[in-house]
PDB file of N, CA and C in Angstrom:
ATOM      1  N   MET A   1       0.851  -1.005   0.123  1.00  0.00           N
ATOM      2  CA  MET A   1       0.423  -0.098   0.162  1.00  0.00           C
ATOM      3  C   MET A   1       1.109   1.254   0.189  1.00  0.00           C
ATOM      4  N   SER A   2       0.554   2.391  -1.099  1.00  0.00           N
ATOM      5  CA  SER A   2       1.485   3.052  -1.078  1.00  0.00           C
ATOM      6  C   SER A   2       0.958   4.284   0.186  1.00  0.00           C
ATOM      7  N   SER A   3       2.269   5.169   1.140  1.00  0.00           N
ATOM      8  CA  SER A   3       1.703   6.383   1.607  1.00  0.00           C
ATOM      9  C   SER A   3       2.741   7.304   1.608  1.00  0.00           C
ATOM     10  N   ASP A   4       2.278   8.734   1.643  1.00  0.00           N
ATOM     11  CA  ASP A   4       3.439   9.671   1.732  1.00  0.00           C
ATOM     12  C   ASP A   4       3.571  10.214   3.187  1.00  0.00           C
ATOM     13  N   PRO A   5       4.689  10.046   3.572  1.00  0.00           N
ATOM     14  CA  PRO A   5       5.009  10.639   5.141  1.00  0.00           C
ATOM     15  C   PRO A   5       4.729  12.190   5.538  1.00  0.00           C
ATOM     16  N   ASN A   6       4.093  12.568   4.926  1.00  0.00           N
ATOM     17  CA  ASN A   6       4.102  13.898   5.180  1.00  0.00           C
ATOM     18  C   ASN A   6       3.083  13.907   4.864  1.00  0.00           C
ATOM     19  N   CYS A   7       2.047  13.033   4.595  1.00  0.00           N
ATOM     20  CA  CYS A   7      -0.093  12.875   4.468  1.00  0.00           C
ATOM     21  C   CYS A   7      -0.186  12.998   5.893  1.00  0.00           C
ATOM     22  N   ILE A   8      -1.032  14.078   6.183  1.00  0.00           N
ATOM     23  CA  ILE A   8      -1.973  13.601   7.446  1.00  0.00           C
ATOM     24  C   ILE A   8      -2.516  12.796   7.373  1.00  0.00           C
ATOM     25  N   PHE A   9      -3.332  12.123   6.274  1.00  0.00           N
ATOM     26  CA  PHE A   9      -4.070  11.377   6.502  1.00  0.00           C
ATOM     27  C   PHE A   9      -3.583  10.092   6.264  1.00  0.00           C
ATOM     28  N   CYS A  10      -2.396   9.834   5.601  1.00  0.00           N
ATOM     29  CA  CYS A  10      -1.447   9.085   6.223  1.00  0.00           C
ATOM     30  C   CYS A  10      -1.093   8.231   7.777  1.00  0.00           C
ATOM     31  N   LYS A  11      -0.770   9.426   8.147  1.00  0.00           N
ATOM     32  CA  LYS A  11      -0.275   9.710   9.175  1.00  0.00           C
ATOM     33  C   LYS A  11      -1.263   9.085  10.794  1.00  0.00           C
ATOM     34  N   ILE A  12      -2.940   9.551  10.218  1.00  0.00           N
ATOM     35  CA  ILE A  12      -4.353   8.692  10.438  1.00  0.00           C
ATOM     36  C   ILE A  12      -4.318   7.214  10.446  1.00  0.00           C
ATOM     37  N   VAL A  13      -3.916   6.941   9.059  1.00  0.00           N
ATOM     38  CA  VAL A  13      -4.349   5.244   8.271  1.00  0.00           C
ATOM     39  C   VAL A  13      -2.692   4.788   9.462  1.00  0.00           C
ATOM     40  N   ALA A  14      -1.578   5.260   9.395  1.00  0.00           N
ATOM     41  CA  ALA A  14      -0.997   4.413  10.347  1.00  0.00           C
ATOM     42  C   ALA A  14      -0.532   4.607  11.942  1.00  0.00           C
ATOM     43  N   GLY A  15      -2.149   5.168  12.416  1.00  0.00           N
ATOM     44  CA  GLY A  15      -2.356   5.507  13.856  1.00  0.00           C
ATOM     45  C   GLY A  15      -0.751   6.315  14.453  1.00  0.00           C
ATOM     46  N   GLN A  16      -0.216   7.451  13.646  1.00  0.00           N
ATOM     47  CA  GLN A  16       0.492   8.474  14.043  1.00  0.00           C
ATOM     48  C   GLN A  16      -0.280   9.495  14.784  1.00  0.00           C
ATOM     49  N   ILE A  17      -1.523   9.726  14.336  1.00  0.00           N
ATOM     50  CA  ILE A  17      -2.459  10.985  14.738  1.00  0.00           C
ATOM     51  C   ILE A  17      -3.862  10.191  14.604  1.00  0.00           C
ATOM     52  N   PRO A  18      -4.241  10.651  16.110  1.00  0.00           N
ATOM     53  CA  PRO A  18      -5.299   9.821  16.550  1.00  0.00           C
ATOM     54  C   PRO A  18      -6.816  10.807  15.341  1.00  0.00           C
ATOM     55  N   ALA A  19      -7.338  10.089  15.379  1.00  0.00           N
ATOM     56  CA  ALA A  19      -8.722  10.209  14.839  1.00  0.00           C
ATOM     57  C   ALA A  19     -10.230   9.479  15.540  1.00  0.00           C
ATOM     58  N   GLY A  20     -11.536   9.986  15.146  1.00  0.00           N
ATOM     59  CA  GLY A  20     -12.367   9.709  15.670  1.00  0.00           C
ATOM     60  C   GLY A  20     -12.879   9.019  14.835  1.00  0.00           C
ATOM     61  N   LYS A  21     -12.397   7.905  14.723  1.00  0.00           N
ATOM     62  CA  LYS A  21     -12.961   6.486  13.958  1.00  0.00           C
ATOM     63  C   LYS A  21     -14.109   5.814  13.736  1.00  0.00           C
ATOM     64  N   VAL A  22     -15.252   5.600  12.718  1.00  0.00           N
ATOM     65  CA  VAL A  22     -16.257   5.398  12.331  1.00  0.00           C
ATOM     66  C   VAL A  22     -16.462   4.256  11.656  1.00  0.00           C
ATOM     67  N   PHE A  23     -15.758   3.716  11.563  1.00  0.00           N
ATOM     68  CA  PHE A  23     -15.482   2.514   9.850  1.00  0.00           C
ATOM     69  C   PHE A  23     -13.765   2.263   9.945  1.00  0.00           C
ATOM     70  N   GLU A  24     -13.538   1.157   9.644  1.00  0.00           N
ATOM     71  CA  GLU A  24     -12.330   0.587   9.179  1.00  0.00           C
ATOM     72  C   GLU A  24     -11.909  -0.504   8.916  1.00  0.00           C
ATOM     73  N   ASP A  25     -11.491  -0.779   7.312  1.00  0.00           N
ATOM     74  CA  ASP A  25     -11.427  -2.406   6.725  1.00  0.00           C
ATOM     75  C   ASP A  25     -10.211  -2.278   6.605  1.00  0.00           C
ATOM     76  N   ASP A  26      -9.823  -3.319   5.218  1.00  0.00           N
ATOM     77  CA  ASP A  26      -8.206  -3.160   5.077  1.00  0.00           C
ATOM     78  C   ASP A  26      -8.019  -2.331   3.590  1.00  0.00           C
ATOM     79  N   ASP A  27      -8.778  -1.518   3.080  1.00  0.00           N
ATOM     80  CA  ASP A  27      -8.944  -0.576   2.411  1.00  0.00           C
ATOM     81  C   ASP A  27      -9.389   0.957   2.515  1.00  0.00           C
ATOM     82  N   LEU A  28     -10.280   0.668   3.596  1.00  0.00           N
ATOM     83  CA  LEU A  28     -10.631   2.315   3.339  1.00  0.00           C
ATOM     84  C   LEU A  28     -10.778   2.512   5.386  1.00  0.00           C
ATOM     85  N   LEU A  29     -10.915   3.592   5.176  1.00  0.00           N
ATOM     86  CA  LEU A  29     -11.012   4.240   6.590  1.00  0.00           C
ATOM     87  C   LEU A  29     -12.107   5.389   6.682  1.00  0.00           C
ATOM     88  N   ALA A  30     -12.866   5.642   7.885  1.00  0.00           N
ATOM     89  CA  ALA A  30     -13.310   6.219   7.960  1.00  0.00           C
ATOM     90  C   ALA A  30     -13.656   7.247   9.404  1.00  0.00           C
ATOM     91  N   PHE A  31     -13.815   8.736   9.177  1.00  0.00           N
ATOM     92  CA  PHE A  31     -13.575   8.997  10.385  1.00  0.00           C
ATOM     93  C   PHE A  31     -14.143  10.645  10.376  1.00  0.00           C
ATOM     94  N   HIS A  32     -14.500  11.236  12.195  1.00  0.00           N
ATOM     95  CA  HIS A  32     -15.169  12.643  11.876  1.00  0.00           C
ATOM     96  C   HIS A  32     -14.008  13.392  11.949  1.00  0.00           C
ATOM     97  N   ASP A  33     -14.969  14.486  10.898  1.00  0.00           N
ATOM     98  CA  ASP A  33     -13.722  15.767  10.276  1.00  0.00           C
ATOM     99  C   ASP A  33     -13.793  16.450  11.700  1.00  0.00           C
ATOM    100  N   ILE A  34     -12.630  17.248  11.994  1.00  0.00           N
ATOM    101  CA  ILE A  34     -12.197  18.266  12.976  1.00  0.00           C
ATOM    102  C   ILE A  34     -12.803  19.294  12.931  1.00  0.00           C
ATOM    103  N   HIS A  35     -13.477  19.566  11.459  1.00  0.00           N
ATOM    104  CA  HIS A  35     -13.628  21.256  11.352  1.00  0.00           C
ATOM    105  C   HIS A  35     -15.252  20.842  10.810  1.00  0.00           C
ATOM    106  N   PRO A  36     -16.260  20.172  11.773  1.00  0.00           N
ATOM    107  CA  PRO A  36     -17.467  19.958  10.903  1.00  0.00           C
ATOM    108  C   PRO A  36     -18.076  21.179  10.629  1.00  0.00           C
ATOM    109  N   TRP A  37     -18.780  20.721   8.962  1.00  0.00           N
ATOM    110  CA  TRP A  37     -19.583  21.616   8.286  1.00  0.00           C
ATOM    111  C   TRP A  37     -21.166  21.452   8.735  1.00  0.00           C
ATOM    112  N   ALA A  38     -21.153  20.629   8.875  1.00  0.00           N
ATOM    113  CA  ALA A  38     -22.434  20.081   9.717  1.00  0.00           C
ATOM    114  C   ALA A  38     -22.709  19.718  10.915  1.00  0.00           C
ATOM    115  N   PRO A  39     -23.906  19.034  11.091  1.00  0.00           N
ATOM    116  CA  PRO A  39     -24.062  17.914  12.622  1.00  0.00           C
ATOM    117  C   PRO A  39     -23.434  16.809  12.478  1.00  0.00           C
ATOM    118  N   VAL A  40     -23.407  15.559  11.712  1.00  0.00           N
ATOM    119  CA  VAL A  40     -22.796  14.978  11.384  1.00  0.00           C
ATOM    120  C   VAL A  40     -21.650  15.236  10.158  1.00  0.00           C
ATOM    121  N   HIS A  41     -20.756  14.999  10.404  1.00  0.00           N
ATOM    122  CA  HIS A  41     -18.958  15.015   9.149  1.00  0.00           C
ATOM    123  C   HIS A  41     -18.701  14.209   9.093  1.00  0.00           C
ATOM    124  N   VAL A  42     -18.584  13.228   8.492  1.00  0.00           N
ATOM    125  CA  VAL A  42     -17.507  12.244   8.314  1.00  0.00           C
ATOM    126  C   VAL A  42     -16.305  12.113   6.966  1.00  0.00           C
ATOM    127  N   LEU A  43     -15.190  12.053   7.119  1.00  0.00           N
ATOM    128  CA  LEU A  43     -14.315  11.491   5.860  1.00  0.00           C
ATOM    129  C   LEU A  43     -14.386  10.367   5.777  1.00  0.00           C
ATOM    130  N   VAL A  44     -14.294   9.866   4.309  1.00  0.00           N
ATOM    131  CA  VAL A  44     -13.950   8.181   4.189  1.00  0.00           C
ATOM    132  C   VAL A  44     -12.954   8.817   3.305  1.00  0.00           C
ATOM    133  N   ILE A  45     -11.907   7.516   3.298  1.00  0.00           N
ATOM    134  CA  ILE A  45     -10.515   7.782   2.430  1.00  0.00           C
ATOM    135  C   ILE A  45      -9.870   6.317   2.399  1.00  0.00           C
ATOM    136  N   PRO A  46      -9.361   6.219   1.556  1.00  0.00           N
ATOM    137  CA  PRO A  46      -8.785   5.267   1.071  1.00  0.00           C
ATOM    138  C   PRO A  46      -7.081   5.057   1.869  1.00  0.00           C
ATOM    139  N   LYS A  47      -6.854   3.958   2.423  1.00  0.00           N
ATOM    140  CA  LYS A  47      -6.293   3.820   3.189  1.00  0.00           C
ATOM    141  C   LYS A  47      -4.769   3.821   2.457  1.00  0.00           C
ATOM    142  N   ALA A  48      -4.570   3.635   1.044  1.00  0.00           N
ATOM    143  CA  ALA A  48      -3.622   4.175   0.159  1.00  0.00           C
ATOM    144  C   ALA A  48      -2.897   5.403  -0.181  1.00  0.00           C
ATOM    145  N   HIS A  49      -2.323   5.641  -0.444  1.00  0.00           N
ATOM    146  CA  HIS A  49      -2.194   7.394  -1.191  1.00  0.00           C
ATOM    147  C   HIS A  49      -2.563   7.542  -2.396  1.00  0.00           C
ATOM    148  N   VAL A  50      -3.580   8.231  -2.306  1.00  0.00           N
ATOM    149  CA  VAL A  50      -4.081   8.822  -3.786  1.00  0.00           C
ATOM    150  C   VAL A  50      -4.061  10.023  -3.512  1.00  0.00           C
ATOM    151  N   ALA A  51      -3.584  10.840  -4.195  1.00  0.00           N
ATOM    152  CA  ALA A  51      -3.834  12.254  -4.036  1.00  0.00           C
ATOM    153  C   ALA A  51      -5.054  12.985  -4.491  1.00  0.00           C
ATOM    154  N   THR A  52      -5.628  12.520  -5.214  1.00  0.00           N
ATOM    155  CA  THR A  52      -6.572  13.085  -5.749  1.00  0.00           C
ATOM    156  C   THR A  52      -7.709  12.521  -6.802  1.00  0.00           C
ATOM    157  N   LEU A  53      -8.829  12.580  -6.558  1.00  0.00           N
ATOM    158  CA  LEU A  53      -9.521  11.929  -7.623  1.00  0.00           C
ATOM    159  C   LEU A  53      -9.161  11.720  -8.885  1.00  0.00           C
ATOM    160  N   SER A  54      -8.530  12.904  -9.649  1.00  0.00           N
ATOM    161  CA  SER A  54      -7.896  12.875 -10.880  1.00  0.00           C
ATOM    162  C   SER A  54      -6.723  12.038 -11.226  1.00  0.00           C
ATOM    163  N   ASP A  55      -6.598  11.324  -9.919  1.00  0.00           N
ATOM    164  CA  ASP A  55      -5.327   9.822 -10.261  1.00  0.00           C
ATOM    165  C   ASP A  55      -6.180   8.863 -10.139  1.00  0.00           C
ATOM    166  N   VAL A  56      -7.091   8.861 -10.152  1.00  0.00           N
ATOM    167  CA  VAL A  56      -7.675   7.852  -9.746  1.00  0.00           C
ATOM    168  C   VAL A  56      -8.098   6.354 -10.905  1.00  0.00           C
ATOM    169  N   GLY A  57      -7.313   5.449 -11.237  1.00  0.00           N
ATOM    170  CA  GLY A  57      -7.237   4.752 -12.781  1.00  0.00           C
ATOM    171  C   GLY A  57      -8.315   3.279 -12.370  1.00  0.00           C
ATOM    172  N   PRO A  58      -8.499   2.652 -12.968  1.00  0.00           N
ATOM    173  CA  PRO A  58      -9.073   1.356 -13.092  1.00  0.00           C
ATOM    174  C   PRO A  58      -8.961   0.905 -12.087  1.00  0.00           C
ATOM    175  N   GLU A  59      -7.832   0.561 -11.315  1.00  0.00           N
ATOM    176  CA  GLU A  59      -7.296  -0.246 -10.337  1.00  0.00           C
ATOM    177  C   GLU A  59      -7.822   0.389  -8.977  1.00  0.00           C
ATOM    178  N   HIS A  60      -8.188   1.790  -8.866  1.00  0.00           N
ATOM    179  CA  HIS A  60      -9.185   1.994  -7.735  1.00  0.00           C
ATOM    180  C   HIS A  60     -10.828   1.979  -7.996  1.00  0.00           C
ATOM    181  N   ASP A  61     -11.311   1.260  -8.925  1.00  0.00           N
ATOM    182  CA  ASP A  61     -12.267   1.215  -8.808  1.00  0.00           C
ATOM    183  C   ASP A  61     -13.444   0.484  -8.076  1.00  0.00           C
ATOM    184  N   ALA A  62     -12.426  -0.704  -7.263  1.00  0.00           N
ATOM    185  CA  ALA A  62     -13.730  -1.047  -6.359  1.00  0.00           C
ATOM    186  C   ALA A  62     -13.350  -0.343  -5.302  1.00  0.00           C
ATOM    187  N   TRP A  63     -12.722   0.198  -4.643  1.00  0.00           N
ATOM    188  CA  TRP A  63     -12.505   0.801  -3.683  1.00  0.00           C
ATOM    189  C   TRP A  63     -13.590   1.879  -3.564  1.00  0.00           C
ATOM    190  N   LEU A  64     -13.361   2.753  -4.796  1.00  0.00           N
ATOM    191  CA  LEU A  64     -14.347   3.895  -5.036  1.00  0.00           C
ATOM    192  C   LEU A  64     -15.461   3.710  -5.050  1.00  0.00           C
ATOM    193  N   GLY A  65     -15.842   2.925  -5.517  1.00  0.00           N
ATOM    194  CA  GLY A  65     -17.468   2.170  -5.007  1.00  0.00           C
ATOM    195  C   GLY A  65     -17.863   1.622  -3.913  1.00  0.00           C
ATOM    196  N   ARG A  66     -16.710   1.336  -3.201  1.00  0.00           N
ATOM    197  CA  ARG A  66     -17.200   1.057  -1.796  1.00  0.00           C
ATOM    198  C   ARG A  66     -17.320   1.953  -0.522  1.00  0.00           C
ATOM    199  N   MET A  67     -16.520   3.540  -1.624  1.00  0.00           N
ATOM    200  CA  MET A  67     -16.834   4.705  -0.610  1.00  0.00           C
ATOM    201  C   MET A  67     -17.824   5.379  -0.576  1.00  0.00           C
ATOM    202  N   LEU A  68     -18.453   5.160  -1.950  1.00  0.00           N
ATOM    203  CA  LEU A  68     -19.894   5.462  -2.210  1.00  0.00           C
ATOM    204  C   LEU A  68     -21.281   4.500  -1.170  1.00  0.00           C
ATOM    205  N   GLY A  69     -20.492   3.244  -1.677  1.00  0.00           N
ATOM    206  CA  GLY A  69     -21.986   2.470  -1.037  1.00  0.00           C
ATOM    207  C   GLY A  69     -21.943   2.691   0.774  1.00  0.00           C
ATOM    208  N   LEU A  70     -20.276   3.229   0.923  1.00  0.00           N
ATOM    209  CA  LEU A  70     -20.401   2.687   2.758  1.00  0.00           C
ATOM    210  C   LEU A  70     -21.309   4.400   3.102  1.00  0.00           C
ATOM    211  N   ALA A  71     -21.083   5.419   2.410  1.00  0.00           N
ATOM    212  CA  ALA A  71     -21.980   6.538   3.177  1.00  0.00           C
ATOM    213  C   ALA A  71     -23.575   6.424   3.512  1.00  0.00           C
ATOM    214  N   PRO A  72     -24.794   5.637   3.020  1.00  0.00           N
ATOM    215  CA  PRO A  72     -25.805   5.569   3.485  1.00  0.00           C
ATOM    216  C   PRO A  72     -25.230   4.753   5.138  1.00  0.00           C
ATOM    217  N   ARG A  73     -24.994   3.543   4.668  1.00  0.00           N
ATOM    218  CA  ARG A  73     -24.643   2.858   6.265  1.00  0.00           C
ATOM    219  C   ARG A  73     -24.484   3.830   7.271  1.00  0.00           C
ATOM    220  N   LEU A  74     -23.064   4.487   6.894  1.00  0.00           N
ATOM    221  CA  LEU A  74     -23.034   4.710   8.007  1.00  0.00           C
ATOM    222  C   LEU A  74     -23.558   6.099   8.524  1.00  0.00           C
ATOM    223  N   MET A  75     -24.345   7.512   7.585  1.00  0.00           N
ATOM    224  CA  MET A  75     -25.173   8.012   8.003  1.00  0.00           C
ATOM    225  C   MET A  75     -26.477   7.483   8.875  1.00  0.00           C
ATOM    226  N   ARG A  76     -27.017   6.564   8.445  1.00  0.00           N
ATOM    227  CA  ARG A  76     -27.256   5.677   9.196  1.00  0.00           C
ATOM    228  C   ARG A  76     -27.010   4.912  10.973  1.00  0.00           C
ATOM    229  N   GLU A  77     -25.790   4.770  11.239  1.00  0.00           N
ATOM    230  CA  GLU A  77     -25.334   4.387  12.139  1.00  0.00           C
ATOM    231  C   GLU A  77     -25.366   5.226  12.544  1.00  0.00           C
ATOM    232  N   LEU A  78     -25.340   6.739  12.201  1.00  0.00           N
ATOM    233  CA  LEU A  78     -25.157   7.671  13.204  1.00  0.00           C
ATOM    234  C   LEU A  78     -26.117   8.669  13.426  1.00  0.00           C
ATOM    235  N   GLY A  79     -27.060   8.184  12.599  1.00  0.00           N
ATOM    236  CA  GLY A  79     -28.268   8.903  13.439  1.00  0.00           C
ATOM    237  C   GLY A  79     -28.934   9.777  12.378  1.00  0.00           C
ATOM    238  N   VAL A  80     -28.416   9.818  10.977  1.00  0.00           N
ATOM    239  CA  VAL A  80     -29.099  10.690  10.026  1.00  0.00           C
ATOM    240  C   VAL A  80     -30.160   9.864   9.360  1.00  0.00           C
ATOM    241  N   VAL A  81     -31.231  10.874   9.333  1.00  0.00           N
ATOM    242  CA  VAL A  81     -32.262   9.862   8.823  1.00  0.00           C
ATOM    243  C   VAL A  81     -33.062  10.951   7.456  1.00  0.00           C
ATOM    244  N   GLY A  82     -32.530  12.147   7.662  1.00  0.00           N
ATOM    245  CA  GLY A  82     -33.283  13.378   6.567  1.00  0.00           C
ATOM    246  C   GLY A  82     -32.922  13.369   5.474  1.00  0.00           C
ATOM    247  N   GLY A  83     -31.531  12.403   5.208  1.00  0.00           N
ATOM    248  CA  GLY A  83     -31.009  12.944   3.840  1.00  0.00           C
ATOM    249  C   GLY A  83     -29.377  12.987   4.186  1.00  0.00           C
ATOM    250  N   PHE A  84     -28.531  12.991   3.532  1.00  0.00           N
ATOM    251  CA  PHE A  84     -27.277  13.768   3.734  1.00  0.00           C
ATOM    252  C   PHE A  84     -26.439  13.990   1.951  1.00  0.00           C
ATOM    253  N   ARG A  85     -25.336  14.694   2.244  1.00  0.00           N
ATOM    254  CA  ARG A  85     -24.875  14.783   1.084  1.00  0.00           C
ATOM    255  C   ARG A  85     -23.262  14.040   1.090  1.00  0.00           C
ATOM    256  N   THR A  86     -22.938  13.759  -0.376  1.00  0.00           N
ATOM    257  CA  THR A  86     -21.479  13.108  -0.268  1.00  0.00           C
ATOM    258  C   THR A  86     -20.706  14.489  -1.214  1.00  0.00           C
ATOM    259  N   LEU A  87     -19.208  14.346  -1.036  1.00  0.00           N
ATOM    260  CA  LEU A  87     -18.815  15.674  -1.894  1.00  0.00           C
ATOM    261  C   LEU A  87     -17.077  15.450  -1.706  1.00  0.00           C
ATOM    262  N   ILE A  88     -16.731  15.270  -2.848  1.00  0.00           N
ATOM    263  CA  ILE A  88     -14.903  15.378  -3.602  1.00  0.00           C
ATOM    264  C   ILE A  88     -14.438  16.258  -3.944  1.00  0.00           C
ATOM    265  N   ASN A  89     -13.990  16.970  -3.446  1.00  0.00           N
ATOM    266  CA  ASN A  89     -13.153  18.145  -3.561  1.00  0.00           C
ATOM    267  C   ASN A  89     -11.887  17.664  -4.354  1.00  0.00           C
ATOM    268  N   THR A  90     -11.374  18.414  -5.449  1.00  0.00           N
ATOM    269  CA  THR A  90     -10.442  17.861  -6.648  1.00  0.00           C
ATOM    270  C   THR A  90      -9.821  18.745  -6.913  1.00  0.00           C
ATOM    271  N   GLY A  91      -8.136  18.790  -6.543  1.00  0.00           N
ATOM    272  CA  GLY A  91      -7.689  20.166  -6.777  1.00  0.00           C
ATOM    273  C   GLY A  91      -7.733  21.511  -6.498  1.00  0.00           C
ATOM    274  N   PRO A  92      -6.532  22.476  -6.344  1.00  0.00           N
ATOM    275  CA  PRO A  92      -6.678  24.102  -6.007  1.00  0.00           C
ATOM    276  C   PRO A  92      -8.425  24.158  -6.384  1.00  0.00           C
ATOM    277  N   ASP A  93      -8.972  23.980  -7.660  1.00  0.00           N
ATOM    278  CA  ASP A  93      -9.726  25.134  -7.779  1.00  0.00           C
ATOM    279  C   ASP A  93     -11.034  24.304  -7.429  1.00  0.00           C
ATOM    280  N   GLY A  94     -10.721  22.952  -7.139  1.00  0.00           N
ATOM    281  CA  GLY A  94     -12.239  22.711  -6.662  1.00  0.00           C
ATOM    282  C   GLY A  94     -11.794  22.447  -5.356  1.00  0.00           C
ATOM    283  N   GLY A  95     -11.242  22.949  -4.424  1.00  0.00           N
ATOM    284  CA  GLY A  95     -11.085  23.701  -3.271  1.00  0.00           C
ATOM    285  C   GLY A  95     -10.705  22.652  -2.224  1.00  0.00           C
ATOM    286  N   GLN A  96      -9.929  21.781  -2.942  1.00  0.00           N
ATOM    287  CA  GLN A  96      -9.112  19.669  -1.788  1.00  0.00           C
ATOM    288  C   GLN A  96      -8.268  21.436  -1.564  1.00  0.00           C
ATOM    289  N   GLU A  97      -7.984  20.723   0.097  1.00  0.00           N
ATOM    290  CA  GLU A  97      -7.663  21.294   0.877  1.00  0.00           C
ATOM    291  C   GLU A  97      -5.863  20.272   1.365  1.00  0.00           C
ATOM    292  N   VAL A  98      -6.384  19.186   1.841  1.00  0.00           N
ATOM    293  CA  VAL A  98      -5.476  17.691   2.017  1.00  0.00           C
ATOM    294  C   VAL A  98      -5.407  16.954   0.969  1.00  0.00           C
ATOM    295  N   TYR A  99      -4.363  16.717   0.319  1.00  0.00           N
ATOM    296  CA  TYR A  99      -4.036  16.115  -0.898  1.00  0.00           C
ATOM    297  C   TYR A  99      -3.929  14.448  -0.611  1.00  0.00           C
ATOM    298  N   HIS A 100      -5.166  14.132  -0.083  1.00  0.00           N
ATOM    299  CA  HIS A 100      -5.204  12.301  -0.150  1.00  0.00           C
ATOM    300  C   HIS A 100      -6.653  12.417  -0.734  1.00  0.00           C
ATOM    301  N   LEU A 101      -6.938  11.828  -1.244  1.00  0.00           N
ATOM    302  CA  LEU A 101      -8.514  11.345  -1.553  1.00  0.00           C
ATOM    303  C   LEU A 101      -9.196  11.306  -0.418  1.00  0.00           C
ATOM    304  N   HIS A 102     -10.126  12.203  -0.516  1.00  0.00           N
ATOM    305  CA  HIS A 102     -11.119  11.899   0.563  1.00  0.00           C
ATOM    306  C   HIS A 102     -12.398  12.359   0.278  1.00  0.00           C
ATOM    307  N   MET A 103     -13.572  11.595   0.431  1.00  0.00           N
ATOM    308  CA  MET A 103     -15.222  11.841   0.701  1.00  0.00           C
ATOM    309  C   MET A 103     -15.978  12.529   2.104  1.00  0.00           C
ATOM    310  N   HIS A 104     -15.921  14.431   1.728  1.00  0.00           N
ATOM    311  CA  HIS A 104     -17.540  14.211   2.677  1.00  0.00           C
ATOM    312  C   HIS A 104     -18.242  13.370   2.683  1.00  0.00           C
ATOM    313  N   VAL A 105     -18.624  13.102   3.935  1.00  0.00           N
ATOM    314  CA  VAL A 105     -20.572  12.357   3.845  1.00  0.00           C
ATOM    315  C   VAL A 105     -20.631  13.415   5.006  1.00  0.00           C
ATOM    316  N   MET A 106     -21.778  14.503   4.628  1.00  0.00           N
ATOM    317  CA  MET A 106     -22.556  15.387   5.761  1.00  0.00           C
ATOM    318  C   MET A 106     -23.781  15.119   5.845  1.00  0.00           C
ATOM    319  N   GLY A 107     -24.570  15.206   6.928  1.00  0.00           N
ATOM    320  CA  GLY A 107     -26.001  14.724   7.115  1.00  0.00           C
ATOM    321  C   GLY A 107     -26.525  15.702   8.460  1.00  0.00           C
ATOM    322  N   GLY A 108     -27.675  15.611   8.987  1.00  0.00           N
ATOM    323  CA  GLY A 108     -27.999  16.295  10.248  1.00  0.00           C
ATOM    324  C   GLY A 108     -29.047  17.491   9.102  1.00  0.00           C
ATOM    325  N   PRO A 109     -29.732  17.618  10.689  1.00  0.00           N
ATOM    326  CA  PRO A 109     -30.788  19.210  10.409  1.00  0.00           C
ATOM    327  C   PRO A 109     -29.897  20.590   9.665  1.00  0.00           C
ATOM    328  N   ARG A 110     -30.387  21.084   9.346  1.00  0.00           N
ATOM    329  CA  ARG A 110     -29.790  22.160   8.641  1.00  0.00           C
ATOM    330  C   ARG A 110     -30.230  23.545   8.943  1.00  0.00           C
ATOM    331  N   PRO A 111     -29.635  24.711   8.955  1.00  0.00           N
ATOM    332  CA  PRO A 111     -28.523  24.725   8.093  1.00  0.00           C
ATOM    333  C   PRO A 111     -27.332  24.861   8.737  1.00  0.00           C
ATOM    334  N   TRP A 112     -26.062  24.590   8.190  1.00  0.00           N
ATOM    335  CA  TRP A 112     -24.800  23.880   8.042  1.00  0.00           C
ATOM    336  C   TRP A 112     -23.789  25.340   7.714  1.00  0.00           C
ATOM    337  N   THR A 113     -22.842  25.071   8.845  1.00  0.00           N
ATOM    338  CA  THR A 113     -22.148  26.361   8.682  1.00  0.00           C
ATOM    339  C   THR A 113     -21.067  26.774   6.717  1.00  0.00           C
ATOM    340  N   LYS A 114     -21.328  25.186   6.267  1.00  0.00           N
ATOM    341  CA  LYS A 114     -21.016  25.243   4.899  1.00  0.00           C
ATOM    342  C   LYS A 114     -22.062  24.631   3.963  1.00  0.00           C
ATOM    343  N   GLY A 115     -22.079  25.075   2.462  1.00  0.00           N
ATOM    344  CA  GLY A 115     -22.543  23.851   1.521  1.00  0.00           C
ATOM    345  C   GLY A 115     -24.096  24.366   1.644  1.00  0.00           C
TER     346      GLY A 115
END
C-alpha cells in the first residue's frame, strides 16, 4: 500500500495521529471531520495514498465504489435520517485542501456552517 510520510491522512491511517474512527477495513477508513460543516460530518478515505480524484485509475474502481456505498450505512449508524450529502473536492480550483483523496459525507438538520 502506498503512503506519503508528509500526508496527515496517511499518518491517521498509520495510527500516528488520533482520529474519531467510525469505520475501518483493509482498504478504507472513515472518521469524524475535525472541522465539521454539518451536525454529522465524516471523511471516508482510501488507506492507500492517492492524492486526488484525478489520479484514480481503473485499479481503484472497487474501493471507490465501496466509498460511495459506505456513505448511507455510516449515516444510518450515526442517526442521520433526513438525507445527506457526499462531496469530493478535487484540486486547488475544486477546493481540495488535503491532498489525499477523501469523500465528505455530511448530514443532520440544516442550516449547516457551509454548503
